[in-house]
PDB file of all heavy atoms in Angstrom:
ATOM      1  N   TYR A   1       0.829  -1.201   0.002  1.00  0.00           N
ATOM      2  CA  TYR A   1       0.002   0.000   0.006  1.00  0.00           C
ATOM      3  C   TYR A   1       0.872   1.254   0.002  1.00  0.00           C
ATOM      4  O   TYR A   1       1.842   1.355   0.738  1.00  0.00           O
ATOM      5  CB  TYR A   1      -0.937   0.002   1.209  1.00  0.00           C
ATOM      6  CG  TYR A   1      -2.155  -0.847   0.998  1.00  0.00           C
ATOM      7  CD1 TYR A   1      -2.237  -2.130   1.537  1.00  0.00           C
ATOM      8  CD2 TYR A   1      -3.231  -0.388   0.226  1.00  0.00           C
ATOM      9  CE1 TYR A   1      -3.366  -2.933   1.323  1.00  0.00           C
ATOM     10  CE2 TYR A   1      -4.352  -1.169   0.014  1.00  0.00           C
ATOM     11  CZ  TYR A   1      -4.409  -2.441   0.571  1.00  0.00           C
ATOM     12  OH  TYR A   1      -5.517  -3.217   0.348  1.00  0.00           O
ATOM     13  N   HIS A   2       0.504   2.215  -0.827  1.00  0.00           N
ATOM     14  CA  HIS A   2       1.250   3.460  -0.948  1.00  0.00           C
ATOM     15  C   HIS A   2       0.368   4.512  -1.599  1.00  0.00           C
ATOM     16  O   HIS A   2      -0.729   4.209  -2.090  1.00  0.00           O
ATOM     17  CB  HIS A   2       2.518   3.246  -1.774  1.00  0.00           C
ATOM     18  CG  HIS A   2       2.252   2.852  -3.198  1.00  0.00           C
ATOM     19  ND1 HIS A   2       1.834   1.586  -3.567  1.00  0.00           N
ATOM     20  CD2 HIS A   2       2.322   3.558  -4.364  1.00  0.00           C
ATOM     21  CE1 HIS A   2       1.663   1.534  -4.871  1.00  0.00           C
ATOM     22  NE2 HIS A   2       1.947   2.715  -5.388  1.00  0.00           N
ATOM     23  N   THR A   3       0.831   5.728  -1.621  1.00  0.00           N
ATOM     24  CA  THR A   3       0.133   6.828  -2.294  1.00  0.00           C
ATOM     25  C   THR A   3       1.124   7.603  -3.163  1.00  0.00           C
ATOM     26  O   THR A   3       2.348   7.482  -2.994  1.00  0.00           O
ATOM     27  CB  THR A   3      -0.522   7.808  -1.299  1.00  0.00           C
ATOM     28  OG1 THR A   3       0.518   8.393  -0.485  1.00  0.00           O
ATOM     29  CG2 THR A   3      -1.537   7.113  -0.412  1.00  0.00           C
ATOM     30  N   HIS A   4       0.597   8.382  -4.083  1.00  0.00           N
ATOM     31  CA  HIS A   4       1.405   9.290  -4.903  1.00  0.00           C
ATOM     32  C   HIS A   4       0.858  10.714  -4.772  1.00  0.00           C
ATOM     33  O   HIS A   4      -0.345  10.899  -4.541  1.00  0.00           O
ATOM     34  CB  HIS A   4       1.331   8.909  -6.388  1.00  0.00           C
ATOM     35  CG  HIS A   4       1.709   7.503  -6.685  1.00  0.00           C
ATOM     36  ND1 HIS A   4       2.998   7.041  -6.574  1.00  0.00           N
ATOM     37  CD2 HIS A   4       0.968   6.448  -7.113  1.00  0.00           C
ATOM     38  CE1 HIS A   4       3.036   5.771  -6.917  1.00  0.00           C
ATOM     39  NE2 HIS A   4       1.823   5.376  -7.246  1.00  0.00           N
ATOM     40  N   ASN A   5       1.729  11.673  -4.918  1.00  0.00           N
ATOM     41  CA  ASN A   5       1.296  13.062  -5.005  1.00  0.00           C
ATOM     42  C   ASN A   5       0.785  13.398  -6.398  1.00  0.00           C
ATOM     43  O   ASN A   5       0.140  14.418  -6.620  1.00  0.00           O
ATOM     44  CB  ASN A   5       2.446  14.016  -4.641  1.00  0.00           C
ATOM     45  CG  ASN A   5       2.858  13.889  -3.181  1.00  0.00           C
ATOM     46  OD1 ASN A   5       2.021  13.641  -2.323  1.00  0.00           O
ATOM     47  ND2 ASN A   5       4.148  14.057  -2.918  1.00  0.00           N
ATOM     48  N   LYS A   6       1.095  12.510  -7.347  1.00  0.00           N
ATOM     49  CA  LYS A   6       0.678  12.707  -8.726  1.00  0.00           C
ATOM     50  C   LYS A   6      -0.454  11.730  -9.070  1.00  0.00           C
ATOM     51  O   LYS A   6      -0.520  10.625  -8.529  1.00  0.00           O
ATOM     52  CB  LYS A   6       1.858  12.458  -9.686  1.00  0.00           C
ATOM     53  CG  LYS A   6       3.078  13.344  -9.475  1.00  0.00           C
ATOM     54  CD  LYS A   6       4.207  12.901 -10.403  1.00  0.00           C
ATOM     55  CE  LYS A   6       5.500  13.689 -10.142  1.00  0.00           C
ATOM     56  NZ  LYS A   6       5.436  15.050 -10.646  1.00  0.00           N
ATOM     57  N   ASP A   7      -1.328  12.136  -9.994  1.00  0.00           N
ATOM     58  CA  ASP A   7      -2.299  11.203 -10.561  1.00  0.00           C
ATOM     59  C   ASP A   7      -1.532  10.146 -11.363  1.00  0.00           C
ATOM     60  O   ASP A   7      -0.501  10.446 -11.974  1.00  0.00           O
ATOM     61  CB  ASP A   7      -3.261  11.926 -11.498  1.00  0.00           C
ATOM     62  CG  ASP A   7      -4.147  12.927 -10.765  1.00  0.00           C
ATOM     63  OD1 ASP A   7      -4.319  12.801  -9.535  1.00  0.00           O
ATOM     64  OD2 ASP A   7      -4.658  13.857 -11.428  1.00  0.00           O
ATOM     65  N   GLN A   8      -2.082   8.917 -11.385  1.00  0.00           N
ATOM     66  CA  GLN A   8      -1.402   7.821 -12.064  1.00  0.00           C
ATOM     67  C   GLN A   8      -2.339   7.135 -13.065  1.00  0.00           C
ATOM     68  O   GLN A   8      -3.505   6.908 -12.804  1.00  0.00           O
ATOM     69  CB  GLN A   8      -0.912   6.778 -11.054  1.00  0.00           C
ATOM     70  CG  GLN A   8      -0.158   5.619 -11.670  1.00  0.00           C
ATOM     71  CD  GLN A   8       0.270   4.570 -10.650  1.00  0.00           C
ATOM     72  OE1 GLN A   8      -0.274   4.537  -9.536  1.00  0.00           O
ATOM     73  NE2 GLN A   8       1.202   3.731 -11.005  1.00  0.00           N
ATOM     74  N   LEU A   9      -1.773   6.793 -14.224  1.00  0.00           N
ATOM     75  CA  LEU A   9      -2.470   6.007 -15.236  1.00  0.00           C
ATOM     76  C   LEU A   9      -1.600   4.798 -15.541  1.00  0.00           C
ATOM     77  O   LEU A   9      -0.424   4.955 -15.883  1.00  0.00           O
ATOM     78  CB  LEU A   9      -2.667   6.850 -16.507  1.00  0.00           C
ATOM     79  CG  LEU A   9      -3.307   6.158 -17.722  1.00  0.00           C
ATOM     80  CD1 LEU A   9      -4.729   5.730 -17.423  1.00  0.00           C
ATOM     81  CD2 LEU A   9      -3.261   7.084 -18.930  1.00  0.00           C
ATOM     82  N   LEU A  10      -2.153   3.578 -15.403  1.00  0.00           N
ATOM     83  CA  LEU A  10      -1.328   2.413 -15.643  1.00  0.00           C
ATOM     84  C   LEU A  10      -2.063   1.322 -16.394  1.00  0.00           C
ATOM     85  O   LEU A  10      -3.282   1.196 -16.305  1.00  0.00           O
ATOM     86  CB  LEU A  10      -0.758   1.850 -14.330  1.00  0.00           C
ATOM     87  CG  LEU A  10      -1.651   1.077 -13.374  1.00  0.00           C
ATOM     88  CD1 LEU A  10      -0.820   0.258 -12.407  1.00  0.00           C
ATOM     89  CD2 LEU A  10      -2.550   2.029 -12.585  1.00  0.00           C
ATOM     90  N   PHE A  11      -1.299   0.512 -17.140  1.00  0.00           N
ATOM     91  CA  PHE A  11      -1.829  -0.650 -17.843  1.00  0.00           C
ATOM     92  C   PHE A  11      -0.674  -1.554 -18.231  1.00  0.00           C
ATOM     93  O   PHE A  11       0.503  -1.204 -18.069  1.00  0.00           O
ATOM     94  CB  PHE A  11      -2.629  -0.234 -19.082  1.00  0.00           C
ATOM     95  CG  PHE A  11      -1.800   0.036 -20.317  1.00  0.00           C
ATOM     96  CD1 PHE A  11      -1.822  -0.861 -21.373  1.00  0.00           C
ATOM     97  CD2 PHE A  11      -1.036   1.183 -20.434  1.00  0.00           C
ATOM     98  CE1 PHE A  11      -1.073  -0.615 -22.523  1.00  0.00           C
ATOM     99  CE2 PHE A  11      -0.293   1.442 -21.572  1.00  0.00           C
ATOM    100  CZ  PHE A  11      -0.316   0.528 -22.624  1.00  0.00           C
ATOM    101  N   SER A  12      -1.014  -2.761 -18.704  1.00  0.00           N
ATOM    102  CA  SER A  12       0.007  -3.670 -19.220  1.00  0.00           C
ATOM    103  C   SER A  12      -0.492  -4.279 -20.520  1.00  0.00           C
ATOM    104  O   SER A  12      -1.695  -4.391 -20.750  1.00  0.00           O
ATOM    105  CB  SER A  12       0.322  -4.777 -18.215  1.00  0.00           C
ATOM    106  OG  SER A  12      -0.785  -5.660 -18.101  1.00  0.00           O
ATOM    107  N   HIS A  13       0.453  -4.683 -21.360  1.00  0.00           N
ATOM    108  CA  HIS A  13       0.090  -5.325 -22.615  1.00  0.00           C
ATOM    109  C   HIS A  13      -0.292  -6.782 -22.416  1.00  0.00           C
ATOM    110  O   HIS A  13      -1.061  -7.341 -23.191  1.00  0.00           O
ATOM    111  CB  HIS A  13       1.252  -5.247 -23.609  1.00  0.00           C
ATOM    112  CG  HIS A  13       1.473  -3.880 -24.164  1.00  0.00           C
ATOM    113  ND1 HIS A  13       0.610  -3.282 -25.056  1.00  0.00           N
ATOM    114  CD2 HIS A  13       2.471  -2.983 -23.958  1.00  0.00           C
ATOM    115  CE1 HIS A  13       1.065  -2.088 -25.387  1.00  0.00           C
ATOM    116  NE2 HIS A  13       2.195  -1.877 -24.732  1.00  0.00           N
ATOM    117  N   HIS A  14       0.274  -7.429 -21.389  1.00  0.00           N
ATOM    118  CA  HIS A  14       0.026  -8.844 -21.145  1.00  0.00           C
ATOM    119  C   HIS A  14      -0.056  -9.087 -19.642  1.00  0.00           C
ATOM    120  O   HIS A  14       0.483  -8.335 -18.849  1.00  0.00           O
ATOM    121  CB  HIS A  14       1.140  -9.698 -21.736  1.00  0.00           C
ATOM    122  CG  HIS A  14       1.319  -9.529 -23.217  1.00  0.00           C
ATOM    123  ND1 HIS A  14       0.460 -10.063 -24.130  1.00  0.00           N
ATOM    124  CD2 HIS A  14       2.252  -8.856 -23.920  1.00  0.00           C
ATOM    125  CE1 HIS A  14       0.854  -9.734 -25.345  1.00  0.00           C
ATOM    126  NE2 HIS A  14       1.941  -8.994 -25.251  1.00  0.00           N
ATOM    127  N   GLY A  15      -0.730 -10.165 -19.260  1.00  0.00           N
ATOM    128  CA  GLY A  15      -0.869 -10.491 -17.843  1.00  0.00           C
ATOM    129  C   GLY A  15      -2.026  -9.725 -17.212  1.00  0.00           C
ATOM    130  O   GLY A  15      -2.821  -9.092 -17.886  1.00  0.00           O
ATOM    131  N   CYS A  16      -2.099  -9.797 -15.908  1.00  0.00           N
ATOM    132  CA  CYS A  16      -3.225  -9.208 -15.190  1.00  0.00           C
ATOM    133  C   CYS A  16      -2.723  -8.533 -13.919  1.00  0.00           C
ATOM    134  O   CYS A  16      -1.833  -9.049 -13.247  1.00  0.00           O
ATOM    135  CB  CYS A  16      -4.235 -10.307 -14.840  1.00  0.00           C
ATOM    136  SG  CYS A  16      -5.814  -9.700 -14.207  1.00  0.00           S
ATOM    137  N   MET A  17      -3.306  -7.393 -13.605  1.00  0.00           N
ATOM    138  CA  MET A  17      -3.009  -6.695 -12.360  1.00  0.00           C
ATOM    139  C   MET A  17      -4.256  -6.653 -11.487  1.00  0.00           C
ATOM    140  O   MET A  17      -5.371  -6.544 -12.007  1.00  0.00           O
ATOM    141  CB  MET A  17      -2.521  -5.275 -12.623  1.00  0.00           C
ATOM    142  CG  MET A  17      -1.094  -5.182 -13.059  1.00  0.00           C
ATOM    143  SD  MET A  17      -0.517  -3.447 -13.163  1.00  0.00           S
ATOM    144  CE  MET A  17      -1.113  -3.023 -14.811  1.00  0.00           C
ATOM    145  N   VAL A  18      -4.054  -6.732 -10.187  1.00  0.00           N
ATOM    146  CA  VAL A  18      -5.128  -6.531  -9.216  1.00  0.00           C
ATOM    147  C   VAL A  18      -4.778  -5.298  -8.399  1.00  0.00           C
ATOM    148  O   VAL A  18      -3.693  -5.224  -7.814  1.00  0.00           O
ATOM    149  CB  VAL A  18      -5.301  -7.746  -8.303  1.00  0.00           C
ATOM    150  CG1 VAL A  18      -6.373  -7.475  -7.248  1.00  0.00           C
ATOM    151  CG2 VAL A  18      -5.678  -8.981  -9.110  1.00  0.00           C
ATOM    152  N   ILE A  19      -5.680  -4.343  -8.370  1.00  0.00           N
ATOM    153  CA  ILE A  19      -5.463  -3.108  -7.626  1.00  0.00           C
ATOM    154  C   ILE A  19      -6.406  -3.093  -6.435  1.00  0.00           C
ATOM    155  O   ILE A  19      -7.623  -3.218  -6.605  1.00  0.00           O
ATOM    156  CB  ILE A  19      -5.709  -1.883  -8.514  1.00  0.00           C
ATOM    157  CG1 ILE A  19      -4.792  -1.954  -9.734  1.00  0.00           C
ATOM    158  CG2 ILE A  19      -5.463  -0.585  -7.744  1.00  0.00           C
ATOM    159  CD1 ILE A  19      -5.151  -0.969 -10.819  1.00  0.00           C
ATOM    160  N   SER A  20      -5.853  -2.964  -5.247  1.00  0.00           N
ATOM    161  CA  SER A  20      -6.661  -2.952  -4.028  1.00  0.00           C
ATOM    162  C   SER A  20      -6.613  -1.567  -3.407  1.00  0.00           C
ATOM    163  O   SER A  20      -5.544  -0.956  -3.290  1.00  0.00           O
ATOM    164  CB  SER A  20      -6.120  -3.976  -3.020  1.00  0.00           C
ATOM    165  OG  SER A  20      -6.165  -5.283  -3.571  1.00  0.00           O
ATOM    166  N   LEU A  21      -7.801  -1.066  -3.046  1.00  0.00           N
ATOM    167  CA  LEU A  21      -7.936   0.209  -2.353  1.00  0.00           C
ATOM    168  C   LEU A  21      -8.747  -0.053  -1.094  1.00  0.00           C
ATOM    169  O   LEU A  21      -9.152  -1.185  -0.835  1.00  0.00           O
ATOM    170  CB  LEU A  21      -8.632   1.242  -3.240  1.00  0.00           C
ATOM    171  CG  LEU A  21      -8.029   1.510  -4.605  1.00  0.00           C
ATOM    172  CD1 LEU A  21      -8.680   0.653  -5.668  1.00  0.00           C
ATOM    173  CD2 LEU A  21      -8.183   2.964  -4.987  1.00  0.00           C
ATOM    174  N   ASP A  22      -8.991   0.982  -0.333  1.00  0.00           N
ATOM    175  CA  ASP A  22      -9.790   0.845   0.869  1.00  0.00           C
ATOM    176  C   ASP A  22     -11.206   0.428   0.504  1.00  0.00           C
ATOM    177  O   ASP A  22     -11.998   1.218  -0.001  1.00  0.00           O
ATOM    178  CB  ASP A  22      -9.809   2.170   1.642  1.00  0.00           C
ATOM    179  CG  ASP A  22     -10.558   2.062   2.964  1.00  0.00           C
ATOM    180  OD1 ASP A  22     -10.735   0.933   3.457  1.00  0.00           O
ATOM    181  OD2 ASP A  22     -10.987   3.106   3.482  1.00  0.00           O
ATOM    182  N   GLY A  23     -11.519  -0.851   0.728  1.00  0.00           N
ATOM    183  CA  GLY A  23     -12.877  -1.322   0.504  1.00  0.00           C
ATOM    184  C   GLY A  23     -13.219  -1.694  -0.920  1.00  0.00           C
ATOM    185  O   GLY A  23     -14.370  -2.024  -1.208  1.00  0.00           O
ATOM    186  N   VAL A  24     -12.240  -1.707  -1.833  1.00  0.00           N
ATOM    187  CA  VAL A  24     -12.517  -2.040  -3.218  1.00  0.00           C
ATOM    188  C   VAL A  24     -11.359  -2.853  -3.796  1.00  0.00           C
ATOM    189  O   VAL A  24     -10.198  -2.557  -3.552  1.00  0.00           O
ATOM    190  CB  VAL A  24     -12.727  -0.784  -4.089  1.00  0.00           C
ATOM    191  CG1 VAL A  24     -13.020  -1.151  -5.536  1.00  0.00           C
ATOM    192  CG2 VAL A  24     -13.844   0.096  -3.544  1.00  0.00           C
ATOM    193  N   LYS A  25     -11.704  -3.876  -4.565  1.00  0.00           N
ATOM    194  CA  LYS A  25     -10.731  -4.643  -5.324  1.00  0.00           C
ATOM    195  C   LYS A  25     -11.031  -4.451  -6.804  1.00  0.00           C
ATOM    196  O   LYS A  25     -12.175  -4.613  -7.227  1.00  0.00           O
ATOM    197  CB  LYS A  25     -10.804  -6.131  -4.960  1.00  0.00           C
ATOM    198  CG  LYS A  25      -9.897  -7.033  -5.779  1.00  0.00           C
ATOM    199  CD  LYS A  25     -10.040  -8.488  -5.357  1.00  0.00           C
ATOM    200  CE  LYS A  25      -9.181  -9.399  -6.223  1.00  0.00           C
ATOM    201  NZ  LYS A  25      -9.272 -10.813  -5.798  1.00  0.00           N
ATOM    202  N   CYS A  26     -10.004  -4.111  -7.597  1.00  0.00           N
ATOM    203  CA  CYS A  26     -10.180  -3.896  -9.032  1.00  0.00           C
ATOM    204  C   CYS A  26      -9.278  -4.851  -9.807  1.00  0.00           C
ATOM    205  O   CYS A  26      -8.129  -5.071  -9.417  1.00  0.00           O
ATOM    206  CB  CYS A  26      -9.813  -2.464  -9.419  1.00  0.00           C
ATOM    207  SG  CYS A  26     -10.704  -1.181  -8.526  1.00  0.00           S
ATOM    208  N   VAL A  27      -9.803  -5.388 -10.881  1.00  0.00           N
ATOM    209  CA  VAL A  27      -9.023  -6.260 -11.756  1.00  0.00           C
ATOM    210  C   VAL A  27      -8.721  -5.517 -13.045  1.00  0.00           C
ATOM    211  O   VAL A  27      -9.617  -4.912 -13.651  1.00  0.00           O
ATOM    212  CB  VAL A  27      -9.763  -7.568 -12.040  1.00  0.00           C
ATOM    213  CG1 VAL A  27      -9.080  -8.365 -13.143  1.00  0.00           C
ATOM    214  CG2 VAL A  27      -9.834  -8.411 -10.771  1.00  0.00           C
ATOM    215  N   LEU A  28      -7.471  -5.558 -13.449  1.00  0.00           N
ATOM    216  CA  LEU A  28      -7.023  -4.829 -14.638  1.00  0.00           C
ATOM    217  C   LEU A  28      -6.441  -5.821 -15.634  1.00  0.00           C
ATOM    218  O   LEU A  28      -5.257  -6.152 -15.591  1.00  0.00           O
ATOM    219  CB  LEU A  28      -5.967  -3.794 -14.239  1.00  0.00           C
ATOM    220  CG  LEU A  28      -5.562  -2.771 -15.294  1.00  0.00           C
ATOM    221  CD1 LEU A  28      -6.743  -1.893 -15.653  1.00  0.00           C
ATOM    222  CD2 LEU A  28      -4.411  -1.921 -14.778  1.00  0.00           C
ATOM    223  N   PRO A  29      -7.268  -6.343 -16.553  1.00  0.00           N
ATOM    224  CA  PRO A  29      -6.755  -7.244 -17.569  1.00  0.00           C
ATOM    225  C   PRO A  29      -5.975  -6.468 -18.624  1.00  0.00           C
ATOM    226  O   PRO A  29      -5.986  -5.237 -18.642  1.00  0.00           O
ATOM    227  CB  PRO A  29      -8.038  -7.856 -18.158  1.00  0.00           C
ATOM    228  CG  PRO A  29      -9.069  -6.825 -17.929  1.00  0.00           C
ATOM    229  CD  PRO A  29      -8.711  -6.125 -16.657  1.00  0.00           C
ATOM    230  N   PRO A  30      -5.294  -7.174 -19.522  1.00  0.00           N
ATOM    231  CA  PRO A  30      -4.502  -6.494 -20.536  1.00  0.00           C
ATOM    232  C   PRO A  30      -5.334  -5.533 -21.376  1.00  0.00           C
ATOM    233  O   PRO A  30      -6.494  -5.795 -21.702  1.00  0.00           O
ATOM    234  CB  PRO A  30      -3.973  -7.649 -21.395  1.00  0.00           C
ATOM    235  CG  PRO A  30      -3.986  -8.823 -20.471  1.00  0.00           C
ATOM    236  CD  PRO A  30      -5.174  -8.627 -19.583  1.00  0.00           C
ATOM    237  N   MET A  31      -4.697  -4.408 -21.689  1.00  0.00           N
ATOM    238  CA  MET A  31      -5.282  -3.387 -22.557  1.00  0.00           C
ATOM    239  C   MET A  31      -6.499  -2.700 -21.944  1.00  0.00           C
ATOM    240  O   MET A  31      -7.280  -2.066 -22.646  1.00  0.00           O
ATOM    241  CB  MET A  31      -5.600  -3.938 -23.943  1.00  0.00           C
ATOM    242  CG  MET A  31      -4.365  -4.479 -24.653  1.00  0.00           C
ATOM    243  SD  MET A  31      -2.931  -3.362 -24.601  1.00  0.00           S
ATOM    244  CE  MET A  31      -3.532  -1.982 -25.580  1.00  0.00           C
ATOM    245  N   ARG A  32      -6.681  -2.829 -20.640  1.00  0.00           N
ATOM    246  CA  ARG A  32      -7.547  -1.916 -19.904  1.00  0.00           C
ATOM    247  C   ARG A  32      -6.655  -1.119 -18.974  1.00  0.00           C
ATOM    248  O   ARG A  32      -5.681  -1.631 -18.438  1.00  0.00           O
ATOM    249  CB  ARG A  32      -8.615  -2.664 -19.099  1.00  0.00           C
ATOM    250  CG  ARG A  32      -9.795  -3.108 -19.938  1.00  0.00           C
ATOM    251  CD  ARG A  32     -10.998  -3.437 -19.077  1.00  0.00           C
ATOM    252  NE  ARG A  32     -12.169  -3.686 -19.897  1.00  0.00           N
ATOM    253  CZ  ARG A  32     -12.630  -4.902 -20.162  1.00  0.00           C
ATOM    254  NH1 ARG A  32     -12.024  -5.959 -19.687  1.00  0.00           N
ATOM    255  NH2 ARG A  32     -13.704  -5.059 -20.923  1.00  0.00           N
ATOM    256  N   ALA A  33      -6.990   0.140 -18.780  1.00  0.00           N
ATOM    257  CA  ALA A  33      -6.170   1.027 -17.968  1.00  0.00           C
ATOM    258  C   ALA A  33      -6.864   1.360 -16.658  1.00  0.00           C
ATOM    259  O   ALA A  33      -8.092   1.315 -16.566  1.00  0.00           O
ATOM    260  CB  ALA A  33      -5.864   2.308 -18.728  1.00  0.00           C
ATOM    261  N   ALA A  34      -6.074   1.694 -15.660  1.00  0.00           N
ATOM    262  CA  ALA A  34      -6.590   2.167 -14.374  1.00  0.00           C
ATOM    263  C   ALA A  34      -6.157   3.600 -14.177  1.00  0.00           C
ATOM    264  O   ALA A  34      -4.984   3.948 -14.358  1.00  0.00           O
ATOM    265  CB  ALA A  34      -6.063   1.303 -13.226  1.00  0.00           C
ATOM    266  N   TRP A  35      -7.117   4.449 -13.809  1.00  0.00           N
ATOM    267  CA  TRP A  35      -6.833   5.830 -13.461  1.00  0.00           C
ATOM    268  C   TRP A  35      -6.937   5.964 -11.953  1.00  0.00           C
ATOM    269  O   TRP A  35      -7.985   5.705 -11.372  1.00  0.00           O
ATOM    270  CB  TRP A  35      -7.827   6.780 -14.151  1.00  0.00           C
ATOM    271  CG  TRP A  35      -7.640   8.200 -13.723  1.00  0.00           C
ATOM    272  CD1 TRP A  35      -8.432   8.912 -12.865  1.00  0.00           C
ATOM    273  CD2 TRP A  35      -6.576   9.079 -14.102  1.00  0.00           C
ATOM    274  NE1 TRP A  35      -7.940  10.180 -12.692  1.00  0.00           N
ATOM    275  CE2 TRP A  35      -6.788  10.311 -13.443  1.00  0.00           C
ATOM    276  CE3 TRP A  35      -5.467   8.939 -14.955  1.00  0.00           C
ATOM    277  CZ2 TRP A  35      -5.929  11.386 -13.612  1.00  0.00           C
ATOM    278  CZ3 TRP A  35      -4.611  10.022 -15.084  1.00  0.00           C
ATOM    279  CH2 TRP A  35      -4.857  11.227 -14.434  1.00  0.00           C
ATOM    280  N   ILE A  36      -5.827   6.336 -11.287  1.00  0.00           N
ATOM    281  CA  ILE A  36      -5.776   6.423  -9.835  1.00  0.00           C
ATOM    282  C   ILE A  36      -5.397   7.854  -9.457  1.00  0.00           C
ATOM    283  O   ILE A  36      -4.233   8.254  -9.589  1.00  0.00           O
ATOM    284  CB  ILE A  36      -4.741   5.429  -9.259  1.00  0.00           C
ATOM    285  CG1 ILE A  36      -5.043   4.007  -9.747  1.00  0.00           C
ATOM    286  CG2 ILE A  36      -4.749   5.480  -7.726  1.00  0.00           C
ATOM    287  CD1 ILE A  36      -4.009   2.983  -9.320  1.00  0.00           C
ATOM    288  N   PRO A  37      -6.349   8.648  -9.000  1.00  0.00           N
ATOM    289  CA  PRO A  37      -6.033  10.027  -8.617  1.00  0.00           C
ATOM    290  C   PRO A  37      -5.043  10.103  -7.462  1.00  0.00           C
ATOM    291  O   PRO A  37      -4.924   9.164  -6.658  1.00  0.00           O
ATOM    292  CB  PRO A  37      -7.403  10.591  -8.205  1.00  0.00           C
ATOM    293  CG  PRO A  37      -8.399   9.742  -8.926  1.00  0.00           C
ATOM    294  CD  PRO A  37      -7.789   8.366  -8.923  1.00  0.00           C
ATOM    295  N   ALA A  38      -4.348  11.215  -7.382  1.00  0.00           N
ATOM    296  CA  ALA A  38      -3.356  11.437  -6.330  1.00  0.00           C
ATOM    297  C   ALA A  38      -3.993  11.298  -4.947  1.00  0.00           C
ATOM    298  O   ALA A  38      -5.153  11.661  -4.732  1.00  0.00           O
ATOM    299  CB  ALA A  38      -2.754  12.837  -6.478  1.00  0.00           C
ATOM    300  N   GLY A  39      -3.193  10.754  -4.021  1.00  0.00           N
ATOM    301  CA  GLY A  39      -3.620  10.677  -2.623  1.00  0.00           C
ATOM    302  C   GLY A  39      -4.427   9.454  -2.269  1.00  0.00           C
ATOM    303  O   GLY A  39      -4.686   9.218  -1.074  1.00  0.00           O
ATOM    304  N   ILE A  40      -4.837   8.635  -3.244  1.00  0.00           N
ATOM    305  CA  ILE A  40      -5.602   7.426  -2.955  1.00  0.00           C
ATOM    306  C   ILE A  40      -4.636   6.300  -2.600  1.00  0.00           C
ATOM    307  O   ILE A  40      -3.778   5.926  -3.410  1.00  0.00           O
ATOM    308  CB  ILE A  40      -6.479   7.012  -4.151  1.00  0.00           C
ATOM    309  CG1 ILE A  40      -7.565   8.051  -4.393  1.00  0.00           C
ATOM    310  CG2 ILE A  40      -7.100   5.642  -3.908  1.00  0.00           C
ATOM    311  CD1 ILE A  40      -8.484   7.722  -5.552  1.00  0.00           C
TER     312      ILE A  40
END
């Protein structure tokens, strides 16, 4: 768990990412992006 002072946009071409926040789990399959505002 960590935060950034900057907004973040992330994705991958292959594989899968799981993004966990307070009370929410998000799945990020290939070629879908996640937008994570600063401070989250």
